C-alpha atoms as a PDB file:
ATOM      1  CA  MET A   1      24.701 -28.842  15.965  1.00  0.00           C
ATOM      2  CA  ALA A   2      22.424 -27.246  13.421  1.00  0.00           C
ATOM      3  CA  LEU A   3      23.926 -27.972  10.029  1.00  0.00           C
ATOM      4  CA  PHE A   4      22.528 -24.758   8.619  1.00  0.00           C
ATOM      5  CA  GLY A   5      21.976 -21.196   9.755  1.00  0.00           C
ATOM      6  CA  ARG A   6      21.196 -17.875   8.151  1.00  0.00           C
ATOM      7  CA  LYS A   7      22.216 -14.327   8.923  1.00  0.00           C
ATOM      8  CA  ARG A   8      22.583 -11.148   6.916  1.00  0.00           C
ATOM      9  CA  THR A   9      26.293 -11.474   6.085  1.00  0.00           C
ATOM     10  CA  THR A  10      28.743 -14.196   7.048  1.00  0.00           C
ATOM     11  CA  VAL A  11      32.521 -13.928   6.953  1.00  0.00           C
ATOM     12  CA  ALA A  12      34.180 -17.352   6.878  1.00  0.00           C
ATOM     13  CA  LEU A  13      37.855 -18.139   7.453  1.00  0.00           C
ATOM     14  CA  ASP A  14      39.172 -21.545   6.448  1.00  0.00           C
ATOM     15  CA  ILE A  15      42.646 -21.830   7.969  1.00  0.00           C
ATOM     16  CA  GLY A  16      44.493 -24.550   6.099  1.00  0.00           C
ATOM     17  CA  SER A  17      48.090 -25.745   6.144  1.00  0.00           C
ATOM     18  CA  GLY A  18      48.871 -24.184   2.772  1.00  0.00           C
ATOM     19  CA  LEU A  19      46.347 -21.384   2.357  1.00  0.00           C
ATOM     20  CA  ILE A  20      44.019 -19.284   4.454  1.00  0.00           C
ATOM     21  CA  LYS A  21      40.782 -18.769   2.532  1.00  0.00           C
ATOM     22  CA  LEU A  22      38.267 -16.003   3.163  1.00  0.00           C
ATOM     23  CA  VAL A  23      34.711 -16.107   1.820  1.00  0.00           C
ATOM     24  CA  VAL A  24      31.884 -13.634   2.415  1.00  0.00           C
ATOM     25  CA  ILE A  25      28.258 -14.550   1.702  1.00  0.00           C
ATOM     26  CA  ASP A  26      25.343 -12.120   1.866  1.00  0.00           C
ATOM     27  CA  HIS A  27      22.029 -13.683   2.976  1.00  0.00           C
ATOM     28  CA  SER A  28      19.934 -10.507   2.937  1.00  0.00           C
ATOM     29  CA  SER A  29      18.098 -11.296  -0.311  1.00  0.00           C
ATOM     30  CA  GLY A  30      16.803 -14.610   0.996  1.00  0.00           C
ATOM     31  CA  GLU A  31      19.205 -16.532  -1.242  1.00  0.00           C
ATOM     32  CA  PRO A  32      22.918 -16.737  -0.429  1.00  0.00           C
ATOM     33  CA  VAL A  33      25.125 -14.588  -2.660  1.00  0.00           C
ATOM     34  CA  LEU A  34      28.908 -14.888  -2.716  1.00  0.00           C
ATOM     35  CA  THR A  35      30.306 -11.349  -2.470  1.00  0.00           C
ATOM     36  CA  LYS A  36      34.028 -11.750  -1.743  1.00  0.00           C
ATOM     37  CA  VAL A  37      36.811 -14.318  -2.019  1.00  0.00           C
ATOM     38  CA  ALA A  38      40.411 -13.822  -0.908  1.00  0.00           C
ATOM     39  CA  PHE A  39      43.458 -15.977  -0.184  1.00  0.00           C
ATOM     40  CA  THR A  40      46.814 -15.760   1.506  1.00  0.00           C
ATOM     41  CA  SER A  41      49.537 -18.365   1.775  1.00  0.00           C
ATOM     42  CA  VAL A  42      50.958 -19.821   4.993  1.00  0.00           C
ATOM     43  CA  VAL A  43      54.618 -20.778   5.340  1.00  0.00           C
ATOM     44  CA  ASP A  44      55.297 -24.497   5.622  1.00  0.00           C
ATOM     45  CA  GLY A  45      55.277 -25.679   9.217  1.00  0.00           C
ATOM     46  CA  ALA A  46      53.143 -22.865  10.638  1.00  0.00           C
ATOM     47  CA  ILE A  47      50.119 -25.201  10.594  1.00  0.00           C
ATOM     48  CA  VAL A  48      50.577 -28.970  10.703  1.00  0.00           C
ATOM     49  CA  GLU A  49      47.660 -31.401  10.327  1.00  0.00           C
ATOM     50  CA  GLY A  50      45.237 -28.643  11.277  1.00  0.00           C
ATOM     51  CA  GLU A  51      47.163 -27.693  14.422  1.00  0.00           C
ATOM     52  CA  VAL A  52      48.550 -24.161  14.677  1.00  0.00           C
ATOM     53  CA  MET A  53      52.260 -24.532  15.456  1.00  0.00           C
ATOM     54  CA  ASP A  54      53.232 -20.838  15.180  1.00  0.00           C
ATOM     55  CA  PRO A  55      50.304 -18.646  16.290  1.00  0.00           C
ATOM     56  CA  GLY A  56      52.197 -15.417  15.634  1.00  0.00           C
ATOM     57  CA  ILE A  57      52.822 -16.181  11.960  1.00  0.00           C
ATOM     58  CA  VAL A  58      49.259 -17.378  11.429  1.00  0.00           C
ATOM     59  CA  ALA A  59      47.772 -14.358  13.225  1.00  0.00           C
ATOM     60  CA  ASP A  60      49.835 -12.010  11.048  1.00  0.00           C
ATOM     61  CA  ALA A  61      48.643 -13.839   7.929  1.00  0.00           C
ATOM     62  CA  VAL A  62      44.988 -13.550   9.001  1.00  0.00           C
ATOM     63  CA  ARG A  63      45.431  -9.882   9.863  1.00  0.00           C
ATOM     64  CA  GLY A  64      47.004  -9.155   6.490  1.00  0.00           C
ATOM     65  CA  LEU A  65      44.302 -11.071   4.623  1.00  0.00           C
ATOM     66  CA  LEU A  66      41.489  -9.157   6.318  1.00  0.00           C
ATOM     67  CA  SER A  67      43.215  -5.856   5.616  1.00  0.00           C
ATOM     68  CA  SER A  68      43.881  -6.569   1.938  1.00  0.00           C
ATOM     69  CA  ALA A  69      40.297  -7.810   1.481  1.00  0.00           C
ATOM     70  CA  GLY A  70      38.862  -4.723   3.189  1.00  0.00           C
ATOM     71  CA  ILE A  71      37.008  -6.791   5.796  1.00  0.00           C
ATOM     72  CA  LYS A  72      36.104  -4.896   8.954  1.00  0.00           C
ATOM     73  CA  ALA A  73      33.758  -7.466  10.501  1.00  0.00           C
ATOM     74  CA  LYS A  74      34.747  -8.699  13.945  1.00  0.00           C
ATOM     75  CA  ARG A  75      32.746 -11.942  13.968  1.00  0.00           C
ATOM     76  CA  VAL A  76      33.724 -14.851  11.742  1.00  0.00           C
ATOM     77  CA  VAL A  77      32.807 -18.480  11.182  1.00  0.00           C
ATOM     78  CA  THR A  78      35.577 -21.066  11.150  1.00  0.00           C
ATOM     79  CA  ALA A  79      36.042 -24.801  11.601  1.00  0.00           C
ATOM     80  CA  VAL A  80      38.143 -27.480  13.238  1.00  0.00           C
ATOM     81  CA  GLY A  81      39.013 -30.883  11.874  1.00  0.00           C
ATOM     82  CA  GLY A  82      41.639 -33.586  11.778  1.00  0.00           C
ATOM     83  CA  ARG A  83      42.458 -36.404  14.153  1.00  0.00           C
ATOM     84  CA  ASP A  84      41.328 -34.468  17.244  1.00  0.00           C
ATOM     85  CA  VAL A  85      37.726 -34.365  15.986  1.00  0.00           C
ATOM     86  CA  ILE A  86      35.469 -37.430  15.956  1.00  0.00           C
ATOM     87  CA  ILE A  87      32.122 -37.755  14.197  1.00  0.00           C
ATOM     88  CA  LYS A  88      30.141 -40.902  14.834  1.00  0.00           C
ATOM     89  CA  LYS A  89      26.596 -42.086  14.276  1.00  0.00           C
ATOM     90  CA  ILE A  90      25.371 -43.846  17.410  1.00  0.00           C
ATOM     91  CA  SER A  91      22.125 -45.284  18.795  1.00  0.00           C
ATOM     92  CA  MET A  92      20.526 -44.180  22.066  1.00  0.00           C
ATOM     93  CA  ASP A  93      17.304 -44.907  23.881  1.00  0.00           C
ATOM     94  CA  ARG A  94      14.649 -42.633  22.433  1.00  0.00           C
ATOM     95  CA  MET A  95      14.187 -39.460  24.479  1.00  0.00           C
ATOM     96  CA  LYS A  96      13.620 -35.747  24.059  1.00  0.00           C
ATOM     97  CA  GLU A  97      16.538 -33.507  23.097  1.00  0.00           C
ATOM     98  CA  GLY A  98      16.801 -31.953  26.549  1.00  0.00           C
ATOM     99  CA  GLU A  99      17.059 -35.364  28.173  1.00  0.00           C
ATOM    100  CA  ALA A 100      19.588 -36.479  25.569  1.00  0.00           C
ATOM    101  CA  ARG A 101      21.743 -33.442  26.299  1.00  0.00           C
ATOM    102  CA  GLU A 102      21.964 -34.510  29.933  1.00  0.00           C
ATOM    103  CA  GLN A 103      22.969 -38.039  28.967  1.00  0.00           C
ATOM    104  CA  ILE A 104      25.177 -37.427  25.948  1.00  0.00           C
ATOM    105  CA  ARG A 105      28.435 -37.220  27.910  1.00  0.00           C
ATOM    106  CA  TRP A 106      27.884 -40.683  29.359  1.00  0.00           C
ATOM    107  CA  GLU A 107      27.052 -42.021  25.903  1.00  0.00           C
ATOM    108  CA  ALA A 108      30.130 -40.345  24.438  1.00  0.00           C
ATOM    109  CA  GLU A 109      32.370 -42.143  26.933  1.00  0.00           C
ATOM    110  CA  GLN A 110      31.480 -45.389  25.160  1.00  0.00           C
ATOM    111  CA  HIS A 111      32.558 -44.074  21.751  1.00  0.00           C
ATOM    112  CA  VAL A 112      35.176 -41.319  22.123  1.00  0.00           C
ATOM    113  CA  PRO A 113      38.824 -42.251  22.853  1.00  0.00           C
ATOM    114  CA  PHE A 114      39.629 -38.876  24.415  1.00  0.00           C
ATOM    115  CA  ASP A 115      39.803 -37.697  28.018  1.00  0.00           C
ATOM    116  CA  MET A 116      36.197 -36.623  28.556  1.00  0.00           C
ATOM    117  CA  ASP A 117      37.292 -33.829  30.900  1.00  0.00           C
ATOM    118  CA  ASN A 118      38.955 -32.107  27.944  1.00  0.00           C
ATOM    119  CA  VAL A 119      36.366 -32.561  25.217  1.00  0.00           C
ATOM    120  CA  GLU A 120      33.728 -30.325  23.648  1.00  0.00           C
ATOM    121  CA  LEU A 121      30.638 -32.344  22.704  1.00  0.00           C
ATOM    122  CA  ASP A 122      27.667 -31.713  20.461  1.00  0.00           C
ATOM    123  CA  PHE A 123      25.025 -33.917  18.891  1.00  0.00           C
ATOM    124  CA  GLN A 124      22.005 -34.010  16.633  1.00  0.00           C
ATOM    125  CA  ILE A 125      19.089 -36.433  16.710  1.00  0.00           C
ATOM    126  CA  LEU A 126      18.747 -37.706  13.148  1.00  0.00           C
ATOM    127  CA  ASP A 127      15.249 -39.197  13.439  1.00  0.00           C
ATOM    128  CA  PRO A 128      13.411 -36.949  15.950  1.00  0.00           C
ATOM    129  CA  GLU A 129       9.993 -38.047  14.666  1.00  0.00           C
ATOM    130  CA  GLY A 130      10.791 -41.762  14.844  1.00  0.00           C
ATOM    131  CA  GLU A 131       8.685 -44.119  16.911  1.00  0.00           C
ATOM    132  CA  GLY A 132      11.114 -46.951  17.752  1.00  0.00           C
ATOM    133  CA  LEU A 133      12.688 -47.555  21.142  1.00  0.00           C
ATOM    134  CA  GLN A 134      16.057 -46.462  19.757  1.00  0.00           C
ATOM    135  CA  MET A 135      17.001 -43.238  17.969  1.00  0.00           C
ATOM    136  CA  SER A 136      19.950 -42.393  15.692  1.00  0.00           C
ATOM    137  CA  VAL A 137      22.226 -39.630  16.931  1.00  0.00           C
ATOM    138  CA  LEU A 138      25.141 -37.914  15.230  1.00  0.00           C
ATOM    139  CA  LEU A 139      27.794 -37.379  17.893  1.00  0.00           C
ATOM    140  CA  VAL A 140      30.642 -34.884  17.530  1.00  0.00           C
ATOM    141  CA  ALA A 141      33.587 -34.622  19.894  1.00  0.00           C
ATOM    142  CA  ALA A 142      36.526 -32.222  19.622  1.00  0.00           C
ATOM    143  CA  LYS A 143      39.448 -31.825  21.970  1.00  0.00           C
ATOM    144  CA  ARG A 144      38.900 -28.611  23.908  1.00  0.00           C
ATOM    145  CA  GLU A 145      42.477 -27.493  23.268  1.00  0.00           C
ATOM    146  CA  LEU A 146      41.795 -27.485  19.526  1.00  0.00           C
ATOM    147  CA  VAL A 147      38.801 -25.184  19.959  1.00  0.00           C
ATOM    148  CA  GLU A 148      40.519 -22.921  22.489  1.00  0.00           C
ATOM    149  CA  THR A 149      43.567 -22.502  20.229  1.00  0.00           C
ATOM    150  CA  LYS A 150      41.330 -21.227  17.429  1.00  0.00           C
ATOM    151  CA  GLN A 151      39.555 -18.850  19.803  1.00  0.00           C
ATOM    152  CA  THR A 152      42.852 -17.490  21.129  1.00  0.00           C
ATOM    153  CA  LEU A 153      44.215 -17.031  17.618  1.00  0.00           C
ATOM    154  CA  PHE A 154      41.218 -14.955  16.578  1.00  0.00           C
ATOM    155  CA  ALA A 155      41.254 -12.953  19.811  1.00  0.00           C
ATOM    156  CA  ASP A 156      44.851 -11.956  19.040  1.00  0.00           C
ATOM    157  CA  VAL A 157      43.636 -10.565  15.702  1.00  0.00           C
ATOM    158  CA  GLY A 158      40.665  -8.787  17.293  1.00  0.00           C
ATOM    159  CA  LEU A 159      38.114 -11.312  16.020  1.00  0.00           C
ATOM    160  CA  GLU A 160      35.467 -13.465  17.648  1.00  0.00           C
ATOM    161  CA  ALA A 161      34.575 -16.902  16.307  1.00  0.00           C
ATOM    162  CA  SER A 162      30.774 -16.728  16.356  1.00  0.00           C
ATOM    163  CA  VAL A 163      30.645 -20.346  15.162  1.00  0.00           C
ATOM    164  CA  ILE A 164      33.327 -23.016  15.266  1.00  0.00           C
ATOM    165  CA  ASP A 165      32.034 -25.646  12.891  1.00  0.00           C
ATOM    166  CA  VAL A 166      33.466 -29.007  11.861  1.00  0.00           C
ATOM    167  CA  ASP A 167      35.145 -29.396   8.466  1.00  0.00           C
ATOM    168  CA  ALA A 168      32.925 -32.318   7.482  1.00  0.00           C
ATOM    169  CA  PHE A 169      29.727 -30.354   8.156  1.00  0.00           C
ATOM    170  CA  ALA A 170      30.975 -27.316   6.235  1.00  0.00           C
ATOM    171  CA  LEU A 171      31.667 -29.534   3.234  1.00  0.00           C
ATOM    172  CA  HIS A 172      28.192 -31.022   3.656  1.00  0.00           C
ATOM    173  CA  ASN A 173      26.576 -27.572   3.662  1.00  0.00           C
ATOM    174  CA  ALA A 174      28.209 -26.520   0.393  1.00  0.00           C
ATOM    175  CA  PHE A 175      27.571 -29.882  -1.204  1.00  0.00           C
ATOM    176  CA  GLU A 176      23.872 -29.978  -0.320  1.00  0.00           C
ATOM    177  CA  LEU A 177      23.299 -26.495  -1.751  1.00  0.00           C
ATOM    178  CA  ASN A 178      25.044 -27.297  -5.019  1.00  0.00           C
ATOM    179  CA  TYR A 179      24.112 -30.964  -5.484  1.00  0.00           C
ATOM    180  CA  PRO A 180      20.688 -31.531  -3.897  1.00  0.00           C
ATOM    181  CA  ASP A 181      20.034 -34.507  -6.176  1.00  0.00           C
ATOM    182  CA  ALA A 182      23.040 -36.308  -4.649  1.00  0.00           C
ATOM    183  CA  MET A 183      21.510 -36.376  -1.165  1.00  0.00           C
ATOM    184  CA  HIS A 184      20.447 -40.005  -1.640  1.00  0.00           C
ATOM    185  CA  GLY A 185      22.332 -43.231  -1.126  1.00  0.00           C
ATOM    186  CA  VAL A 186      25.941 -43.379   0.057  1.00  0.00           C
ATOM    187  CA  VAL A 187      28.173 -40.650  -1.371  1.00  0.00           C
ATOM    188  CA  GLY A 188      31.808 -39.815  -0.611  1.00  0.00           C
ATOM    189  CA  LEU A 189      33.124 -36.247  -0.361  1.00  0.00           C
ATOM    190  CA  VAL A 190      36.899 -36.365  -0.715  1.00  0.00           C
ATOM    191  CA  ASN A 191      38.602 -33.068   0.109  1.00  0.00           C
ATOM    192  CA  ILE A 192      42.256 -33.232  -1.006  1.00  0.00           C
ATOM    193  CA  GLY A 193      44.098 -30.522   0.862  1.00  0.00           C
ATOM    194  CA  HIS A 194      47.698 -29.410   1.274  1.00  0.00           C
ATOM    195  CA  GLU A 195      48.792 -31.949   3.895  1.00  0.00           C
ATOM    196  CA  MET A 196      45.935 -34.404   4.173  1.00  0.00           C
ATOM    197  CA  THR A 197      42.836 -35.715   2.469  1.00  0.00           C
ATOM    198  CA  ASN A 198      39.536 -35.732   4.346  1.00  0.00           C
ATOM    199  CA  VAL A 199      37.120 -38.502   3.416  1.00  0.00           C
ATOM    200  CA  ASN A 200      33.546 -37.685   4.427  1.00  0.00           C
ATOM    201  CA  ILE A 201      30.795 -40.189   3.745  1.00  0.00           C
ATOM    202  CA  LEU A 202      27.148 -39.174   3.535  1.00  0.00           C
ATOM    203  CA  ASP A 203      24.328 -41.686   3.957  1.00  0.00           C
ATOM    204  CA  GLU A 204      21.024 -40.302   2.679  1.00  0.00           C
ATOM    205  CA  GLY A 205      22.464 -36.805   2.942  1.00  0.00           C
ATOM    206  CA  VAL A 206      23.713 -37.172   6.533  1.00  0.00           C
ATOM    207  CA  PRO A 207      27.471 -37.037   7.273  1.00  0.00           C
ATOM    208  CA  VAL A 208      28.040 -40.289   9.158  1.00  0.00           C
ATOM    209  CA  LEU A 209      31.766 -40.990   8.894  1.00  0.00           C
ATOM    210  CA  THR A 210      34.953 -39.004   8.421  1.00  0.00           C
ATOM    211  CA  ARG A 211      38.513 -40.242   7.954  1.00  0.00           C
ATOM    212  CA  ASP A 212      41.849 -38.543   7.284  1.00  0.00           C
ATOM    213  CA  ILE A 213      44.454 -39.841   4.844  1.00  0.00           C
ATOM    214  CA  MET A 214      47.916 -38.359   5.262  1.00  0.00           C
ATOM    215  CA  ILE A 215      48.376 -37.484   1.598  1.00  0.00           C
ATOM    216  CA  GLY A 216      47.892 -34.059   0.078  1.00  0.00           C
ATOM    217  CA  THR A 217      49.261 -31.788  -2.613  1.00  0.00           C
ATOM    218  CA  ARG A 218      52.403 -31.207  -0.584  1.00  0.00           C
ATOM    219  CA  ARG A 219      53.287 -34.912  -0.908  1.00  0.00           C
ATOM    220  CA  PHE A 220      52.832 -34.763  -4.684  1.00  0.00           C
ATOM    221  CA  ARG A 221      55.019 -31.658  -4.845  1.00  0.00           C
ATOM    222  CA  GLU A 222      57.772 -33.233  -2.762  1.00  0.00           C
ATOM    223  CA  ASP A 223      57.656 -36.379  -4.916  1.00  0.00           C
ATOM    224  CA  LEU A 224      58.141 -34.283  -8.057  1.00  0.00           C
ATOM    225  CA  GLN A 225      61.004 -32.365  -6.473  1.00  0.00           C
ATOM    226  CA  ARG A 226      62.743 -35.541  -5.359  1.00  0.00           C
ATOM    227  CA  GLU A 227      62.093 -37.819  -8.327  1.00  0.00           C
ATOM    228  CA  ARG A 228      62.030 -35.279 -11.173  1.00  0.00           C
ATOM    229  CA  ASN A 229      64.481 -32.704  -9.785  1.00  0.00           C
ATOM    230  CA  MET A 230      61.873 -29.963 -10.098  1.00  0.00           C
ATOM    231  CA  SER A 231      61.786 -26.775  -8.081  1.00  0.00           C
ATOM    232  CA  ALA A 232      58.813 -26.220  -5.779  1.00  0.00           C
ATOM    233  CA  ASP A 233      57.394 -23.644  -8.197  1.00  0.00           C
ATOM    234  CA  GLU A 234      57.778 -25.987 -11.179  1.00  0.00           C
ATOM    235  CA  ALA A 235      56.077 -28.802  -9.305  1.00  0.00           C
ATOM    236  CA  ASP A 236      53.210 -26.576  -8.175  1.00  0.00           C
ATOM    237  CA  GLN A 237      52.693 -25.326 -11.727  1.00  0.00           C
ATOM    238  CA  LEU A 238      52.485 -28.907 -12.991  1.00  0.00           C
ATOM    239  CA  LEU A 239      50.012 -29.899 -10.262  1.00  0.00           C
ATOM    240  CA  ARG A 240      47.803 -26.922 -11.069  1.00  0.00           C
ATOM    241  CA  GLY A 241      47.858 -27.581 -14.798  1.00  0.00           C
ATOM    242  CA  PHE A 242      44.925 -28.793 -16.847  1.00  0.00           C
ATOM    243  CA  GLU A 243      46.678 -31.420 -18.972  1.00  0.00           C
ATOM    244  CA  ARG A 244      48.124 -34.758 -17.890  1.00  0.00           C
ATOM    245  CA  ASN A 245      51.905 -34.889 -18.004  1.00  0.00           C
ATOM    246  CA  GLU A 246      54.128 -37.963 -18.237  1.00  0.00           C
ATOM    247  CA  ALA A 247      56.143 -36.710 -15.257  1.00  0.00           C
ATOM    248  CA  LEU A 248      53.027 -37.100 -13.138  1.00  0.00           C
ATOM    249  CA  GLU A 249      51.975 -40.580 -14.287  1.00  0.00           C
ATOM    250  CA  PRO A 250      54.036 -42.682 -11.819  1.00  0.00           C
ATOM    251  CA  LEU A 251      52.939 -40.461  -8.946  1.00  0.00           C
ATOM    252  CA  LEU A 252      49.303 -40.633  -9.975  1.00  0.00           C
ATOM    253  CA  ALA A 253      49.511 -44.428  -9.934  1.00  0.00           C
ATOM    254  CA  SER A 254      51.221 -44.734  -6.525  1.00  0.00           C
ATOM    255  CA  ARG A 255      49.570 -41.885  -4.629  1.00  0.00           C
ATOM    256  CA  GLY A 256      46.230 -42.563  -6.306  1.00  0.00           C
ATOM    257  CA  GLU A 257      46.423 -46.143  -5.031  1.00  0.00           C
ATOM    258  CA  GLU A 258      47.046 -44.905  -1.469  1.00  0.00           C
ATOM    259  CA  LEU A 259      44.084 -42.543  -1.660  1.00  0.00           C
ATOM    260  CA  ALA A 260      41.856 -45.250  -3.141  1.00  0.00           C
ATOM    261  CA  VAL A 261      42.774 -47.707  -0.382  1.00  0.00           C
ATOM    262  CA  GLY A 262      41.962 -45.087   2.273  1.00  0.00           C
ATOM    263  CA  ILE A 263      38.584 -44.383   0.681  1.00  0.00           C
ATOM    264  CA  GLU A 264      37.842 -48.115   0.401  1.00  0.00           C
ATOM    265  CA  ARG A 265      38.672 -48.691   4.061  1.00  0.00           C
ATOM    266  CA  ALA A 266      36.387 -45.863   5.179  1.00  0.00           C
ATOM    267  CA  ALA A 267      33.534 -47.188   3.041  1.00  0.00           C
ATOM    268  CA  ALA A 268      34.089 -50.766   4.242  1.00  0.00           C
ATOM    269  CA  PHE A 269      34.094 -49.663   7.878  1.00  0.00           C
ATOM    270  CA  LEU A 270      30.823 -47.818   7.410  1.00  0.00           C
ATOM    271  CA  GLN A 271      29.212 -50.790   5.703  1.00  0.00           C
ATOM    272  CA  SER A 272      30.374 -53.228   8.383  1.00  0.00           C
ATOM    273  CA  SER A 273      29.143 -51.007  11.223  1.00  0.00           C
ATOM    274  CA  SER A 274      25.818 -50.078   9.628  1.00  0.00           C
ATOM    275  CA  ARG A 275      22.656 -51.993   9.017  1.00  0.00           C
ATOM    276  CA  SER A 276      22.513 -50.550   5.524  1.00  0.00           C
ATOM    277  CA  ALA A 277      23.576 -52.874   2.749  1.00  0.00           C
ATOM    278  CA  SER A 278      24.232 -49.959   0.402  1.00  0.00           C
ATOM    279  CA  GLY A 279      27.823 -49.422  -0.634  1.00  0.00           C
ATOM    280  CA  LEU A 280      29.558 -46.272  -1.804  1.00  0.00           C
ATOM    281  CA  ALA A 281      27.844 -45.182  -5.021  1.00  0.00           C
ATOM    282  CA  ARG A 282      29.873 -42.196  -6.203  1.00  0.00           C
ATOM    283  CA  ILE A 283      32.570 -39.751  -5.156  1.00  0.00           C
ATOM    284  CA  PHE A 284      32.933 -35.992  -5.419  1.00  0.00           C
ATOM    285  CA  THR A 285      36.367 -34.430  -4.948  1.00  0.00           C
ATOM    286  CA  SER A 286      37.291 -30.933  -3.826  1.00  0.00           C
ATOM    287  CA  GLY A 287      40.304 -29.052  -2.501  1.00  0.00           C
ATOM    288  CA  GLY A 288      43.523 -28.144  -4.276  1.00  0.00           C
ATOM    289  CA  GLY A 289      44.323 -31.791  -4.977  1.00  0.00           C
ATOM    290  CA  SER A 290      41.172 -32.235  -7.028  1.00  0.00           C
ATOM    291  CA  ARG A 291      42.878 -30.043  -9.671  1.00  0.00           C
ATOM    292  CA  ILE A 292      45.781 -32.481 -10.162  1.00  0.00           C
ATOM    293  CA  PRO A 293      45.489 -33.538 -13.803  1.00  0.00           C
ATOM    294  CA  GLY A 294      44.348 -37.142 -14.119  1.00  0.00           C
ATOM    295  CA  LEU A 295      43.860 -37.876 -10.412  1.00  0.00           C
ATOM    296  CA  ASN A 296      40.068 -38.125 -10.568  1.00  0.00           C
ATOM    297  CA  ARG A 297      40.341 -40.533 -13.488  1.00  0.00           C
ATOM    298  CA  ILE A 298      42.869 -42.684 -11.617  1.00  0.00           C
ATOM    299  CA  LEU A 299      40.526 -42.856  -8.590  1.00  0.00           C
ATOM    300  CA  ALA A 300      37.531 -43.687 -10.783  1.00  0.00           C
ATOM    301  CA  ASP A 301      39.389 -46.513 -12.519  1.00  0.00           C
ATOM    302  CA  ARG A 302      40.794 -47.926  -9.274  1.00  0.00           C
ATOM    303  CA  LEU A 303      37.545 -47.701  -7.276  1.00  0.00           C
ATOM    304  CA  ARG A 304      35.286 -48.528 -10.226  1.00  0.00           C
ATOM    305  CA  LEU A 305      33.019 -45.674  -9.223  1.00  0.00           C
ATOM    306  CA  PRO A 306      31.997 -42.366 -10.799  1.00  0.00           C
ATOM    307  CA  VAL A 307      34.372 -39.657  -9.554  1.00  0.00           C
ATOM    308  CA  GLN A 308      33.883 -35.985 -10.367  1.00  0.00           C
ATOM    309  CA  ALA A 309      35.171 -32.655  -9.123  1.00  0.00           C
ATOM    310  CA  ALA A 310      32.594 -30.844  -6.998  1.00  0.00           C
ATOM    311  CA  ASN A 311      31.930 -27.217  -7.890  1.00  0.00           C
ATOM    312  CA  PRO A 312      30.952 -25.074  -4.861  1.00  0.00           C
ATOM    313  CA  LEU A 313      29.574 -22.478  -7.288  1.00  0.00           C
ATOM    314  CA  GLU A 314      27.333 -24.868  -9.228  1.00  0.00           C
ATOM    315  CA  ARG A 315      24.156 -23.288  -7.832  1.00  0.00           C
ATOM    316  CA  LEU A 316      25.495 -20.534  -5.609  1.00  0.00           C
ATOM    317  CA  GLN A 317      24.832 -17.007  -6.837  1.00  0.00           C
ATOM    318  CA  VAL A 318      27.972 -14.919  -7.311  1.00  0.00           C
ATOM    319  CA  ALA A 319      28.031 -11.124  -7.183  1.00  0.00           C
ATOM    320  CA  GLU A 320      29.479  -9.279 -10.137  1.00  0.00           C
ATOM    321  CA  GLY A 321      33.237  -8.776 -10.080  1.00  0.00           C
ATOM    322  CA  VAL A 322      34.119 -11.342  -7.393  1.00  0.00           C
ATOM    323  CA  PHE A 323      36.458 -13.293  -9.681  1.00  0.00           C
ATOM    324  CA  ASP A 324      37.645 -10.476 -11.934  1.00  0.00           C
ATOM    325  CA  THR A 325      41.271 -10.889 -10.808  1.00  0.00           C
ATOM    326  CA  MET A 326      41.240 -14.690 -10.443  1.00  0.00           C
ATOM    327  CA  SER A 327      41.024 -17.741 -12.653  1.00  0.00           C
ATOM    328  CA  LEU A 328      37.700 -19.305 -11.721  1.00  0.00           C
ATOM    329  CA  ASP A 329      38.783 -22.779 -12.881  1.00  0.00           C
ATOM    330  CA  GLU A 330      41.803 -22.663 -10.582  1.00  0.00           C
ATOM    331  CA  VAL A 331      40.093 -21.089  -7.578  1.00  0.00           C
ATOM    332  CA  ALA A 332      36.734 -22.891  -7.439  1.00  0.00           C
ATOM    333  CA  PRO A 333      38.076 -26.266  -6.201  1.00  0.00           C
ATOM    334  CA  LEU A 334      39.561 -24.503  -3.163  1.00  0.00           C
ATOM    335  CA  LEU A 335      36.261 -23.010  -2.032  1.00  0.00           C
ATOM    336  CA  MET A 336      34.058 -25.946  -1.039  1.00  0.00           C
ATOM    337  CA  LEU A 337      34.926 -25.791   2.654  1.00  0.00           C
ATOM    338  CA  PRO A 338      34.935 -21.987   3.145  1.00  0.00           C
ATOM    339  CA  VAL A 339      31.707 -21.629   1.127  1.00  0.00           C
ATOM    340  CA  GLY A 340      30.154 -24.247   3.392  1.00  0.00           C
ATOM    341  CA  LEU A 341      31.239 -22.263   6.441  1.00  0.00           C
ATOM    342  CA  ALA A 342      29.818 -19.034   5.069  1.00  0.00           C
ATOM    343  CA  LEU A 343      26.448 -20.716   4.423  1.00  0.00           C
ATOM    344  CA  ARG A 344      25.859 -20.945   8.145  1.00  0.00           C
ATOM    345  CA  THR A 345      26.273 -18.722  11.164  1.00  0.00           C
ATOM    346  CA  ALA A 346      25.069 -18.233  14.691  1.00  0.00           C
ATOM    347  CA  ALA A 347      21.566 -16.928  15.147  1.00  0.00           C
END
């Protein structure tokens, strides 16, 4: 489960419930350079909680996106996430990686609530140079059906998934590149998507816990439609605005409280299950929901922590012309996950 990889050019596809995002990064100069960004929307219901419900519609959307972006590559990097993926930091008797690989399935049985006959497993030893009798291991388990569905979807479009990553690790990749000084202490990465919010907690730069909260921009939009009699387009325009609006204030208070409670519970669980006494020190938000005017401030006030929007382009080089037809302020929050995917690839 190498968190990083390098190749000449990487095409990443982040298939979300609201948007499919394409990012291309060129690694040939020795430093990653973003060379292309493209989006296409997905009809409501085609993808639910990360699960593809209508493969035909999603395949057509991917095919159209590749065509409009002029992408001819046949190998892409993508990710899986949601409730069918588990990331957990565990302890094992110290051994070499080869020996651990033989034993990891037995260890996983103690920690993974899935049928082990239908699970894809991976792991990484976090302290390979340690000298104690025990070693820390980051365990990842994903239901095989989730992985196979992605592979089948891409095969139908004539693509091969050279890497199927995990959402939390892709976010980590982009975050580490852009915020290397934040790789200390306990930090929360909160990715507010269309249907759900992913809470990923890093401890000394290592992703050690991930949780999903079933609130996203779609919930805010539906609240505005129901309570303020807005159309979907009017609600979306308000959520993508840059100024706080009184129509949003009650929703910010109620939905912000739900998000804050979910973040608190994840942080409390980590602290109770870890020997570290350090609590959550700060939060970085990303995803479409991080653009909602006033939401970061509500979270900061409620959690009594610094909360800021993460910029996936903070230190990433960008080729000339990539954003000529887009508003960078609107687009950047959507790119943390796909940029993280494009920063790695199979050898």
